[in-house]
């Protein structure tokens, strides 16, 4: 009988650049709806540097 093995997905961790944002802080800073902020946060991680660069590329200015 042949044994079938399934590959377990490996989790890769991104290096955190800059300080981490909380989801709420990120959403408030860029006036994002919760669903959009969560989508970006999950895709790009909590890195303030990465998220600020992303929002600059989208031409979204932070609120002060």
C-alpha atoms as a PDB file:
ATOM      1  CA  UNK A   1       0.000   0.000   0.000  1.00  0.00           C
ATOM      2  CA  UNK A   2       1.266   3.470  -0.862  1.00  0.00           C
ATOM      3  CA  UNK A   3       1.358   6.081   1.833  1.00  0.00           C
ATOM      4  CA  UNK A   4       0.237   9.585   0.936  1.00  0.00           C
ATOM      5  CA  UNK A   5       1.842  12.428   2.800  1.00  0.00           C
ATOM      6  CA  UNK A   6       0.667  15.969   2.677  1.00  0.00           C
ATOM      7  CA  UNK A   7       3.066  18.822   2.857  1.00  0.00           C
ATOM      8  CA  UNK A   8       2.479  21.116   5.764  1.00  0.00           C
ATOM      9  CA  UNK A   9       2.543  24.758   4.830  1.00  0.00           C
ATOM     10  CA  UNK A  10       5.494  26.617   6.189  1.00  0.00           C
ATOM     11  CA  UNK A  11       4.864  29.936   7.762  1.00  0.00           C
ATOM     12  CA  UNK A  12       7.234  32.637   6.795  1.00  0.00           C
ATOM     13  CA  UNK A  13       7.619  35.594   9.052  1.00  0.00           C
ATOM     14  CA  UNK A  14       8.234  39.035   7.724  1.00  0.00           C
ATOM     15  CA  UNK A  15      10.833  41.129   9.432  1.00  0.00           C
ATOM     16  CA  UNK A  16       9.171  43.919  11.338  1.00  0.00           C
ATOM     17  CA  UNK A  17      10.497  47.248  10.107  1.00  0.00           C
ATOM     18  CA  UNK A  18       9.809  50.189  12.367  1.00  0.00           C
ATOM     19  CA  UNK A  19       7.466  50.135  15.272  1.00  0.00           C
ATOM     20  CA  UNK A  20       4.258  48.117  15.026  1.00  0.00           C
ATOM     21  CA  UNK A  21       0.876  49.774  14.506  1.00  0.00           C
ATOM     22  CA  UNK A  22      -2.236  48.522  16.204  1.00  0.00           C
ATOM     23  CA  UNK A  23      -5.101  47.955  13.790  1.00  0.00           C
ATOM     24  CA  UNK A  24      -7.123  50.782  15.331  1.00  0.00           C
ATOM     25  CA  UNK A  25      -4.210  53.213  15.220  1.00  0.00           C
ATOM     26  CA  UNK A  26      -3.595  52.433  11.530  1.00  0.00           C
ATOM     27  CA  UNK A  27      -7.280  52.855  10.638  1.00  0.00           C
ATOM     28  CA  UNK A  28      -7.539  56.173  12.510  1.00  0.00           C
ATOM     29  CA  UNK A  29      -4.310  57.576  11.086  1.00  0.00           C
ATOM     30  CA  UNK A  30      -5.447  57.093   7.490  1.00  0.00           C
ATOM     31  CA  UNK A  31      -9.232  57.381   8.036  1.00  0.00           C
ATOM     32  CA  UNK A  32      -9.853  53.878   6.730  1.00  0.00           C
ATOM     33  CA  UNK A  33     -12.973  51.784   7.156  1.00  0.00           C
ATOM     34  CA  UNK A  34     -12.417  48.843   9.475  1.00  0.00           C
ATOM     35  CA  UNK A  35     -12.674  46.215   6.723  1.00  0.00           C
ATOM     36  CA  UNK A  36     -10.134  47.949   4.475  1.00  0.00           C
ATOM     37  CA  UNK A  37      -7.725  48.592   7.351  1.00  0.00           C
ATOM     38  CA  UNK A  38      -7.960  44.948   8.431  1.00  0.00           C
ATOM     39  CA  UNK A  39      -7.349  43.696   4.875  1.00  0.00           C
ATOM     40  CA  UNK A  40      -4.217  45.810   4.464  1.00  0.00           C
ATOM     41  CA  UNK A  41      -3.015  45.053   7.996  1.00  0.00           C
ATOM     42  CA  UNK A  42      -3.308  41.295   7.433  1.00  0.00           C
ATOM     43  CA  UNK A  43      -1.669  41.472   4.010  1.00  0.00           C
ATOM     44  CA  UNK A  44       1.271  43.737   4.879  1.00  0.00           C
ATOM     45  CA  UNK A  45       1.658  43.146   8.621  1.00  0.00           C
ATOM     46  CA  UNK A  46       1.814  45.589  11.529  1.00  0.00           C
ATOM     47  CA  UNK A  47       5.026  47.351  10.467  1.00  0.00           C
ATOM     48  CA  UNK A  48       4.530  51.123  10.598  1.00  0.00           C
ATOM     49  CA  UNK A  49       7.244  51.598   7.975  1.00  0.00           C
ATOM     50  CA  UNK A  50       5.631  49.185   5.504  1.00  0.00           C
ATOM     51  CA  UNK A  51       2.117  50.530   6.010  1.00  0.00           C
ATOM     52  CA  UNK A  52       3.229  54.169   5.776  1.00  0.00           C
ATOM     53  CA  UNK A  53       5.057  53.408   2.508  1.00  0.00           C
ATOM     54  CA  UNK A  54       1.977  51.629   1.168  1.00  0.00           C
ATOM     55  CA  UNK A  55      -0.293  54.523   2.022  1.00  0.00           C
ATOM     56  CA  UNK A  56       2.162  57.027   0.516  1.00  0.00           C
ATOM     57  CA  UNK A  57       2.112  55.002  -2.712  1.00  0.00           C
ATOM     58  CA  UNK A  58      -1.686  55.206  -2.634  1.00  0.00           C
ATOM     59  CA  UNK A  59      -1.350  58.963  -2.047  1.00  0.00           C
ATOM     60  CA  UNK A  60      -3.254  58.765   1.243  1.00  0.00           C
ATOM     61  CA  UNK A  61      -2.030  61.399   3.669  1.00  0.00           C
ATOM     62  CA  UNK A  62      -2.087  60.681   7.396  1.00  0.00           C
ATOM     63  CA  UNK A  63      -4.237  62.748   9.700  1.00  0.00           C
ATOM     64  CA  UNK A  64      -2.499  64.624  12.455  1.00  0.00           C
END
